[in-house]
Amino acid sequence: MGRMGWITGLVVAFLLLVGFAILVTGFGSICGGQCSAPYELDVQFHLGTPPTEASAVLQSCRHFPTVIGVASPRVNSWGLLVAKVETRDFLRSAKTQPLLACLEGSPSVVSAAWPD
């Protein structure tokens, strides 16, 4: 095998290795890293919202069938009050719309969304 054959072989081996690494790590996943339930819906509250108020909002929206569980609100590294809601369904749909409307209808909530 000539020099070009070895170079071609090395390039192909490298590309296969990179492709395998992408598959294993999920890099570039079309489902945003959330490929099966439970999905994590991120809820962010307005600055100054007391944790008790945030908990009350989360509990009031817990009864929807798509909800699996609700985590207690916590302050993240940017100082914002946030919480995670585990759901059976992902993204905006007829199944998730009632939950999103409940959360987004609260004046305490800035946003409720699944991470990209």
N, C-alpha and C. Protein backbone atom coordinates (compact mmCIF):
# COMPACT_ATOMS: atom_id res chain seq x y z
N MET A 1 0.86 -1.17 0.00
CA MET A 1 0.00 0.00 0.00
C MET A 1 0.90 1.23 0.00
N GLY A 2 0.57 2.17 -0.85
CA GLY A 2 1.38 3.37 -0.98
C GLY A 2 1.08 4.39 0.12
N ARG A 3 1.82 5.47 0.05
CA ARG A 3 1.67 6.53 1.04
C ARG A 3 0.26 7.11 1.05
N MET A 4 -0.36 7.31 -0.13
CA MET A 4 -1.72 7.85 -0.20
C MET A 4 -2.72 6.89 0.41
N GLY A 5 -2.49 5.60 0.27
CA GLY A 5 -3.37 4.60 0.86
C GLY A 5 -3.36 4.68 2.38
N TRP A 6 -2.19 4.86 2.96
CA TRP A 6 -2.09 4.99 4.43
C TRP A 6 -2.76 6.26 4.92
N ILE A 7 -2.56 7.35 4.22
CA ILE A 7 -3.18 8.62 4.61
C ILE A 7 -4.70 8.51 4.53
N THR A 8 -5.19 7.93 3.44
CA THR A 8 -6.64 7.74 3.29
C THR A 8 -7.18 6.87 4.40
N GLY A 9 -6.46 5.80 4.72
CA GLY A 9 -6.88 4.90 5.80
C GLY A 9 -6.94 5.61 7.14
N LEU A 10 -5.94 6.43 7.42
CA LEU A 10 -5.92 7.19 8.68
C LEU A 10 -7.07 8.20 8.74
N VAL A 11 -7.34 8.87 7.64
CA VAL A 11 -8.44 9.85 7.59
C VAL A 11 -9.78 9.14 7.82
N VAL A 12 -9.99 8.01 7.17
CA VAL A 12 -11.23 7.26 7.35
C VAL A 12 -11.36 6.77 8.80
N ALA A 13 -10.28 6.26 9.37
CA ALA A 13 -10.31 5.79 10.77
C ALA A 13 -10.63 6.95 11.72
N PHE A 14 -10.04 8.11 11.46
CA PHE A 14 -10.31 9.28 12.29
C PHE A 14 -11.77 9.69 12.21
N LEU A 15 -12.31 9.73 11.01
CA LEU A 15 -13.72 10.12 10.83
C LEU A 15 -14.65 9.11 11.50
N LEU A 16 -14.33 7.84 11.41
CA LEU A 16 -15.14 6.82 12.09
C LEU A 16 -15.09 7.00 13.61
N LEU A 17 -13.91 7.30 14.13
CA LEU A 17 -13.75 7.52 15.56
C LEU A 17 -14.54 8.74 16.02
N VAL A 18 -14.49 9.82 15.27
CA VAL A 18 -15.25 11.03 15.61
C VAL A 18 -16.75 10.74 15.56
N GLY A 19 -17.19 10.04 14.53
CA GLY A 19 -18.60 9.68 14.42
C GLY A 19 -19.07 8.83 15.59
N PHE A 20 -18.26 7.88 15.99
CA PHE A 20 -18.59 7.04 17.14
C PHE A 20 -18.67 7.87 18.41
N ALA A 21 -17.74 8.79 18.59
CA ALA A 21 -17.74 9.64 19.79
C ALA A 21 -19.00 10.50 19.83
N ILE A 22 -19.43 10.99 18.69
CA ILE A 22 -20.65 11.80 18.62
C ILE A 22 -21.86 10.96 19.02
N LEU A 23 -21.94 9.75 18.53
CA LEU A 23 -23.05 8.87 18.88
C LEU A 23 -23.07 8.54 20.37
N VAL A 24 -21.91 8.25 20.93
CA VAL A 24 -21.83 7.85 22.33
C VAL A 24 -22.18 9.01 23.27
N THR A 25 -21.71 10.20 22.97
CA THR A 25 -21.93 11.34 23.86
C THR A 25 -23.27 12.02 23.63
N GLY A 26 -23.93 11.74 22.51
CA GLY A 26 -25.20 12.38 22.22
C GLY A 26 -25.04 13.78 21.69
N PHE A 27 -23.81 14.18 21.37
CA PHE A 27 -23.56 15.51 20.83
C PHE A 27 -24.36 15.69 19.55
N GLY A 28 -25.10 16.78 19.45
CA GLY A 28 -25.88 17.03 18.25
C GLY A 28 -27.19 16.27 18.24
N SER A 29 -27.61 15.81 19.38
CA SER A 29 -28.84 15.04 19.46
C SER A 29 -30.03 15.89 19.03
N ILE A 30 -30.94 15.30 18.28
CA ILE A 30 -32.11 16.03 17.82
C ILE A 30 -33.13 16.24 18.93
N CYS A 31 -32.96 15.57 20.04
CA CYS A 31 -33.94 15.69 21.12
C CYS A 31 -33.39 16.52 22.27
N GLY A 32 -32.35 17.29 22.04
CA GLY A 32 -31.83 18.19 23.06
C GLY A 32 -31.32 17.47 24.30
N GLY A 33 -30.87 16.24 24.14
CA GLY A 33 -30.38 15.49 25.29
C GLY A 33 -31.49 14.87 26.12
N GLN A 34 -32.72 15.09 25.73
CA GLN A 34 -33.86 14.52 26.45
C GLN A 34 -34.61 13.62 25.47
N CYS A 35 -34.14 12.40 25.34
CA CYS A 35 -34.69 11.50 24.32
C CYS A 35 -35.77 10.57 24.85
N SER A 36 -36.01 10.56 26.14
CA SER A 36 -37.10 9.75 26.68
C SER A 36 -37.51 10.33 28.03
N ALA A 37 -38.73 10.01 28.44
CA ALA A 37 -39.25 10.51 29.71
C ALA A 37 -38.45 9.90 30.86
N PRO A 38 -38.32 10.58 31.96
CA PRO A 38 -38.91 11.89 32.24
C PRO A 38 -38.11 13.02 31.59
N TYR A 39 -38.86 13.96 31.06
CA TYR A 39 -38.27 15.17 30.47
C TYR A 39 -38.23 16.24 31.56
N GLU A 40 -37.24 17.12 31.50
CA GLU A 40 -37.10 18.16 32.52
C GLU A 40 -37.50 19.52 31.94
N LEU A 41 -38.60 20.03 32.45
CA LEU A 41 -39.09 21.35 32.10
C LEU A 41 -38.49 22.34 33.09
N ASP A 42 -37.79 23.35 32.59
CA ASP A 42 -37.17 24.36 33.45
C ASP A 42 -38.14 25.51 33.67
N VAL A 43 -38.35 25.86 34.93
CA VAL A 43 -39.23 26.98 35.28
C VAL A 43 -38.37 28.03 35.98
N GLN A 44 -38.44 29.26 35.50
CA GLN A 44 -37.70 30.37 36.10
C GLN A 44 -38.70 31.37 36.66
N PHE A 45 -38.42 31.85 37.87
CA PHE A 45 -39.31 32.79 38.55
C PHE A 45 -38.70 34.19 38.54
N HIS A 46 -39.58 35.19 38.65
CA HIS A 46 -39.12 36.58 38.72
C HIS A 46 -38.24 36.79 39.94
N LEU A 47 -37.27 37.66 39.78
CA LEU A 47 -36.37 38.03 40.87
C LEU A 47 -37.20 38.54 42.04
N GLY A 48 -36.93 38.04 43.21
CA GLY A 48 -37.65 38.46 44.40
C GLY A 48 -38.82 37.58 44.77
N THR A 49 -39.14 36.59 43.93
CA THR A 49 -40.23 35.66 44.26
C THR A 49 -39.80 34.80 45.43
N PRO A 50 -40.59 34.77 46.51
CA PRO A 50 -40.23 33.92 47.64
C PRO A 50 -40.37 32.44 47.27
N PRO A 51 -39.50 31.58 47.79
CA PRO A 51 -39.60 30.15 47.50
C PRO A 51 -40.97 29.55 47.84
N THR A 52 -41.62 30.06 48.89
CA THR A 52 -42.94 29.54 49.24
C THR A 52 -43.96 29.85 48.16
N GLU A 53 -43.87 31.02 47.56
CA GLU A 53 -44.78 31.39 46.47
C GLU A 53 -44.50 30.53 45.24
N ALA A 54 -43.22 30.32 44.94
CA ALA A 54 -42.85 29.48 43.80
C ALA A 54 -43.36 28.05 44.01
N SER A 55 -43.22 27.53 45.21
CA SER A 55 -43.72 26.18 45.52
C SER A 55 -45.22 26.09 45.34
N ALA A 56 -45.93 27.14 45.75
CA ALA A 56 -47.38 27.16 45.60
C ALA A 56 -47.78 27.13 44.12
N VAL A 57 -47.06 27.87 43.29
CA VAL A 57 -47.33 27.87 41.85
C VAL A 57 -47.10 26.48 41.28
N LEU A 58 -45.98 25.87 41.64
CA LEU A 58 -45.66 24.54 41.13
C LEU A 58 -46.71 23.52 41.57
N GLN A 59 -47.13 23.59 42.81
CA GLN A 59 -48.13 22.64 43.32
C GLN A 59 -49.48 22.84 42.63
N SER A 60 -49.81 24.08 42.31
CA SER A 60 -51.09 24.34 41.65
C SER A 60 -51.13 23.81 40.22
N CYS A 61 -49.96 23.56 39.63
CA CYS A 61 -49.89 23.05 38.25
C CYS A 61 -49.50 21.57 38.21
N ARG A 62 -49.39 20.96 39.34
CA ARG A 62 -48.91 19.58 39.43
C ARG A 62 -49.94 18.55 38.96
N HIS A 63 -51.20 18.87 38.95
CA HIS A 63 -52.27 17.91 38.70
C HIS A 63 -52.43 17.49 37.24
N PHE A 64 -51.71 18.11 36.32
CA PHE A 64 -51.87 17.77 34.91
C PHE A 64 -51.28 16.39 34.62
N PRO A 65 -51.92 15.62 33.74
CA PRO A 65 -51.50 14.24 33.49
C PRO A 65 -50.07 14.09 32.97
N THR A 66 -49.55 15.10 32.32
CA THR A 66 -48.19 15.00 31.79
C THR A 66 -47.12 15.15 32.86
N VAL A 67 -47.49 15.63 34.06
CA VAL A 67 -46.52 15.86 35.13
C VAL A 67 -46.21 14.55 35.86
N ILE A 68 -44.92 14.27 35.99
CA ILE A 68 -44.45 13.11 36.75
C ILE A 68 -44.05 13.55 38.16
N GLY A 69 -43.32 14.65 38.26
CA GLY A 69 -42.86 15.13 39.55
C GLY A 69 -42.45 16.59 39.48
N VAL A 70 -42.33 17.20 40.66
CA VAL A 70 -41.95 18.61 40.76
C VAL A 70 -40.85 18.73 41.80
N ALA A 71 -39.75 19.37 41.43
CA ALA A 71 -38.64 19.59 42.36
C ALA A 71 -38.87 20.89 43.12
N SER A 72 -38.33 20.97 44.30
CA SER A 72 -38.42 22.20 45.09
C SER A 72 -37.65 23.31 44.40
N PRO A 73 -38.15 24.53 44.47
CA PRO A 73 -37.42 25.66 43.89
C PRO A 73 -36.07 25.83 44.57
N ARG A 74 -35.10 26.29 43.79
CA ARG A 74 -33.76 26.53 44.32
C ARG A 74 -33.17 27.75 43.63
N VAL A 75 -32.19 28.34 44.25
CA VAL A 75 -31.49 29.50 43.67
C VAL A 75 -30.33 28.95 42.85
N ASN A 76 -30.27 29.31 41.56
CA ASN A 76 -29.19 28.82 40.71
C ASN A 76 -27.94 29.68 40.86
N SER A 77 -26.91 29.37 40.08
CA SER A 77 -25.62 30.07 40.20
C SER A 77 -25.69 31.54 39.79
N TRP A 78 -26.75 31.95 39.10
CA TRP A 78 -26.92 33.36 38.72
C TRP A 78 -27.82 34.10 39.71
N GLY A 79 -28.22 33.41 40.78
CA GLY A 79 -29.05 34.04 41.79
C GLY A 79 -30.54 34.05 41.46
N LEU A 80 -30.94 33.27 40.46
CA LEU A 80 -32.35 33.22 40.07
C LEU A 80 -33.04 32.02 40.71
N LEU A 81 -34.28 32.19 41.07
CA LEU A 81 -35.07 31.10 41.63
C LEU A 81 -35.60 30.26 40.46
N VAL A 82 -35.27 28.97 40.47
CA VAL A 82 -35.66 28.07 39.38
C VAL A 82 -36.17 26.76 39.97
N ALA A 83 -36.85 25.99 39.12
CA ALA A 83 -37.32 24.66 39.52
C ALA A 83 -37.42 23.80 38.27
N LYS A 84 -37.44 22.49 38.49
CA LYS A 84 -37.62 21.54 37.40
C LYS A 84 -38.92 20.79 37.61
N VAL A 85 -39.65 20.60 36.51
CA VAL A 85 -40.86 19.80 36.51
C VAL A 85 -40.59 18.63 35.57
N GLU A 86 -40.70 17.41 36.08
CA GLU A 86 -40.51 16.23 35.24
C GLU A 86 -41.83 15.92 34.53
N THR A 87 -41.74 15.70 33.21
CA THR A 87 -42.95 15.48 32.42
C THR A 87 -42.84 14.20 31.58
N ARG A 88 -44.01 13.72 31.17
CA ARG A 88 -44.08 12.55 30.30
C ARG A 88 -43.96 12.94 28.83
N ASP A 89 -44.24 14.19 28.52
CA ASP A 89 -44.23 14.67 27.14
C ASP A 89 -43.26 15.84 27.02
N PHE A 90 -42.83 16.10 25.79
CA PHE A 90 -41.76 17.04 25.51
C PHE A 90 -42.23 18.06 24.48
N LEU A 91 -41.87 19.29 24.68
CA LEU A 91 -42.17 20.41 23.78
C LEU A 91 -43.65 20.79 23.81
N ARG A 92 -43.96 21.88 23.15
CA ARG A 92 -45.35 22.38 23.14
C ARG A 92 -46.21 21.47 22.27
N SER A 93 -47.28 20.99 22.88
CA SER A 93 -48.22 20.14 22.16
C SER A 93 -49.57 20.24 22.87
N ALA A 94 -50.56 19.57 22.33
CA ALA A 94 -51.87 19.56 22.99
C ALA A 94 -51.77 18.95 24.39
N LYS A 95 -50.86 18.01 24.58
CA LYS A 95 -50.71 17.37 25.89
C LYS A 95 -50.02 18.28 26.91
N THR A 96 -49.07 19.08 26.47
CA THR A 96 -48.30 19.92 27.40
C THR A 96 -48.86 21.33 27.54
N GLN A 97 -49.70 21.75 26.63
CA GLN A 97 -50.21 23.13 26.64
C GLN A 97 -50.91 23.51 27.95
N PRO A 98 -51.76 22.65 28.53
CA PRO A 98 -52.41 23.03 29.79
C PRO A 98 -51.40 23.29 30.93
N LEU A 99 -50.37 22.46 31.01
CA LEU A 99 -49.33 22.67 32.03
C LEU A 99 -48.60 23.98 31.78
N LEU A 100 -48.19 24.21 30.55
CA LEU A 100 -47.47 25.45 30.23
C LEU A 100 -48.35 26.67 30.48
N ALA A 101 -49.62 26.59 30.13
CA ALA A 101 -50.53 27.72 30.37
C ALA A 101 -50.67 27.98 31.86
N CYS A 102 -50.73 26.92 32.66
CA CYS A 102 -50.83 27.08 34.11
C CYS A 102 -49.59 27.79 34.66
N LEU A 103 -48.42 27.31 34.27
CA LEU A 103 -47.17 27.91 34.77
C LEU A 103 -46.99 29.33 34.26
N GLU A 104 -47.15 29.52 32.96
CA GLU A 104 -46.94 30.84 32.35
C GLU A 104 -48.02 31.83 32.73
N GLY A 105 -49.15 31.35 33.21
CA GLY A 105 -50.23 32.23 33.65
C GLY A 105 -49.98 32.84 35.02
N SER A 106 -48.98 32.32 35.72
CA SER A 106 -48.65 32.88 37.03
C SER A 106 -47.79 34.12 36.87
N PRO A 107 -48.13 35.20 37.58
CA PRO A 107 -47.31 36.41 37.49
C PRO A 107 -45.90 36.22 38.05
N SER A 108 -45.69 35.14 38.81
CA SER A 108 -44.37 34.87 39.40
C SER A 108 -43.40 34.23 38.41
N VAL A 109 -43.92 33.63 37.34
CA VAL A 109 -43.09 32.86 36.41
C VAL A 109 -42.60 33.72 35.26
N VAL A 110 -41.30 33.68 35.03
CA VAL A 110 -40.69 34.36 33.88
C VAL A 110 -40.82 33.48 32.65
N SER A 111 -40.46 32.19 32.81
CA SER A 111 -40.50 31.29 31.66
C SER A 111 -40.63 29.85 32.13
N ALA A 112 -41.17 29.03 31.24
CA ALA A 112 -41.25 27.59 31.45
C ALA A 112 -40.95 26.95 30.10
N ALA A 113 -39.82 26.23 30.02
CA ALA A 113 -39.42 25.68 28.74
C ALA A 113 -38.50 24.48 28.94
N TRP A 114 -38.51 23.60 27.96
CA TRP A 114 -37.54 22.50 27.96
C TRP A 114 -36.26 23.02 27.37
N PRO A 115 -35.11 22.67 27.96
CA PRO A 115 -33.84 23.18 27.43
C PRO A 115 -33.57 22.65 26.03
N ASP A 116 -32.84 23.46 25.25
CA ASP A 116 -32.47 23.04 23.88
C ASP A 116 -31.43 21.97 23.92
